[in-house]
Amino acid sequence: MKARRKIVICAALAGLTGCASPTVLEGKYSEADGWRKGTIVEIGPAKSLKRPSFYDCRTEASYKNDNELYVLVALLTNGHPHARAAKLPADAQLQVGDKVYVNFKDCSAPIPKRSS
């Protein structure tokens, strides 16, 4: 009986540990650090983005400068739809519809394309 109890306890602990481990996307984008899968839904100057953004990196200065492009990324956070407005990196070759990774905690993080 004691052996069976030990097996059940070990199995339960192993199951709980598996659920508690952080999800890492493509081996380098940890969800614990704020990374989420997203899709680009808009690109344009800060003031032209129509969709509301829950996580917004636009500043008052960015609304006055039409030369700076921003990207709006639709994402899920804890199963709820959100959007992230972030400055489009100068060297990025992103388009509406591209699948990307976005970090909702860090406005200076890059916006890399997803491989799948």
Protein backbone atom coordinates (compact mmCIF):
# COMPACT_ATOMS: atom_id res chain seq x y z
CA MET A 1 0.00 0.00 0.00
CA LYS A 2 2.83 2.40 0.87
CA ALA A 3 4.52 1.79 -2.48
CA ARG A 4 1.31 2.62 -4.36
CA ARG A 5 0.90 5.86 -2.38
CA LYS A 6 4.48 6.90 -3.20
CA ILE A 7 3.89 6.25 -6.90
CA VAL A 8 0.70 8.34 -6.88
CA ILE A 9 2.42 11.21 -5.05
CA CYS A 10 5.40 11.15 -7.46
CA ALA A 11 3.08 11.11 -10.47
CA ALA A 12 1.08 14.06 -9.09
CA LEU A 13 4.23 16.07 -8.40
CA ALA A 14 5.58 15.36 -11.89
CA GLY A 15 2.30 16.53 -13.40
CA LEU A 16 2.31 19.75 -11.41
CA THR A 17 5.91 20.49 -12.33
CA GLY A 18 5.14 20.07 -16.02
CA CYS A 19 2.35 22.65 -15.83
CA ALA A 20 4.50 25.14 -13.94
CA SER A 21 7.41 25.17 -16.39
CA PRO A 22 7.58 28.35 -18.50
CA THR A 23 6.71 28.23 -22.18
CA VAL A 24 9.61 29.17 -24.44
CA LEU A 25 8.81 29.97 -28.06
CA GLU A 26 11.40 28.87 -30.64
CA GLY A 27 13.84 28.30 -27.80
CA LYS A 28 14.46 31.99 -27.09
CA TYR A 29 11.20 33.91 -26.53
CA SER A 30 9.96 33.12 -23.02
CA GLU A 31 6.32 33.85 -22.23
CA ALA A 32 7.41 34.62 -18.67
CA ASP A 33 9.43 37.54 -20.08
CA GLY A 34 6.39 38.92 -21.92
CA TRP A 35 6.76 37.34 -25.37
CA ARG A 36 3.57 36.37 -27.21
CA LYS A 37 2.66 35.20 -30.69
CA GLY A 38 0.94 37.91 -32.68
CA THR A 39 -0.18 39.04 -36.11
CA ILE A 40 0.45 42.46 -37.62
CA VAL A 41 -2.88 44.16 -38.29
CA GLU A 42 -1.81 47.75 -39.07
CA ILE A 43 1.30 49.72 -40.03
CA GLY A 44 1.48 53.50 -40.22
CA PRO A 45 2.24 56.75 -38.40
CA ALA A 46 1.31 56.77 -34.70
CA LYS A 47 -1.79 58.91 -35.14
CA SER A 48 -3.14 56.87 -38.08
CA LEU A 49 -3.48 53.55 -36.24
CA LYS A 50 -7.23 53.01 -35.94
CA ARG A 51 -7.49 49.99 -33.67
CA PRO A 52 -7.19 50.61 -29.91
CA SER A 53 -4.07 49.29 -28.26
CA PHE A 54 -4.03 47.90 -24.72
CA TYR A 55 -0.22 47.90 -24.62
CA ASP A 56 0.82 51.18 -26.21
CA CYS A 57 4.38 52.35 -26.87
CA ARG A 58 3.36 55.52 -28.68
CA THR A 59 4.36 58.77 -27.01
CA GLU A 60 3.04 62.28 -27.39
CA ALA A 61 6.05 63.14 -29.57
CA SER A 62 5.35 60.21 -31.90
CA TYR A 63 1.91 61.61 -32.78
CA LYS A 64 3.60 64.72 -34.20
CA ASN A 65 6.14 62.88 -36.37
CA ASP A 66 4.56 61.29 -39.46
CA ASN A 67 7.95 59.89 -40.55
CA GLU A 68 8.06 57.30 -37.76
CA LEU A 69 6.11 54.16 -38.55
CA TYR A 70 4.37 52.13 -35.89
CA VAL A 71 3.03 48.62 -36.03
CA LEU A 72 -0.10 47.31 -34.35
CA VAL A 73 0.13 43.64 -33.40
CA ALA A 74 -2.91 41.58 -32.36
CA LEU A 75 -2.06 39.07 -29.63
CA LEU A 76 -3.54 36.92 -26.90
CA THR A 77 -2.59 37.46 -23.26
CA ASN A 78 -3.91 34.79 -20.91
CA GLY A 79 -6.45 33.87 -23.57
CA HIS A 80 -7.78 37.42 -23.98
CA PRO A 81 -7.35 39.44 -27.20
CA HIS A 82 -5.16 42.54 -26.93
CA ALA A 83 -3.12 44.71 -29.23
CA ARG A 84 0.39 46.14 -28.93
CA ALA A 85 1.39 49.38 -30.64
CA ALA A 86 5.15 49.59 -31.05
CA LYS A 87 7.63 51.52 -33.14
CA LEU A 88 8.51 49.67 -36.33
CA PRO A 89 12.25 48.98 -36.32
CA ALA A 90 14.02 50.75 -39.21
CA ASP A 91 15.49 47.54 -40.60
CA ALA A 92 12.29 45.49 -40.26
CA GLN A 93 10.64 44.23 -43.41
CA LEU A 94 7.24 43.54 -41.92
CA GLN A 95 3.86 43.69 -43.61
CA VAL A 96 0.24 43.48 -42.50
CA GLY A 97 -0.63 39.82 -41.96
CA ASP A 98 2.88 38.74 -40.94
CA LYS A 99 3.08 36.35 -37.98
CA VAL A 100 5.49 37.74 -35.39
CA TYR A 101 6.60 37.58 -31.78
CA VAL A 102 5.93 40.66 -29.69
CA ASN A 103 6.95 41.53 -26.15
CA PHE A 104 4.12 43.31 -24.35
CA LYS A 105 6.39 44.22 -21.42
CA ASP A 106 9.22 45.91 -23.35
CA CYS A 107 8.69 48.76 -25.84
CA SER A 108 12.28 48.54 -27.07
CA ALA A 109 12.14 44.80 -27.86
CA PRO A 110 12.47 43.76 -31.51
CA ILE A 111 9.52 42.35 -33.45
CA PRO A 112 10.88 39.18 -35.05
CA LYS A 113 8.94 37.15 -37.61
CA ARG A 114 7.78 33.72 -36.52
CA SER A 115 9.06 30.70 -38.40
CA SER A 116 5.62 29.08 -38.33
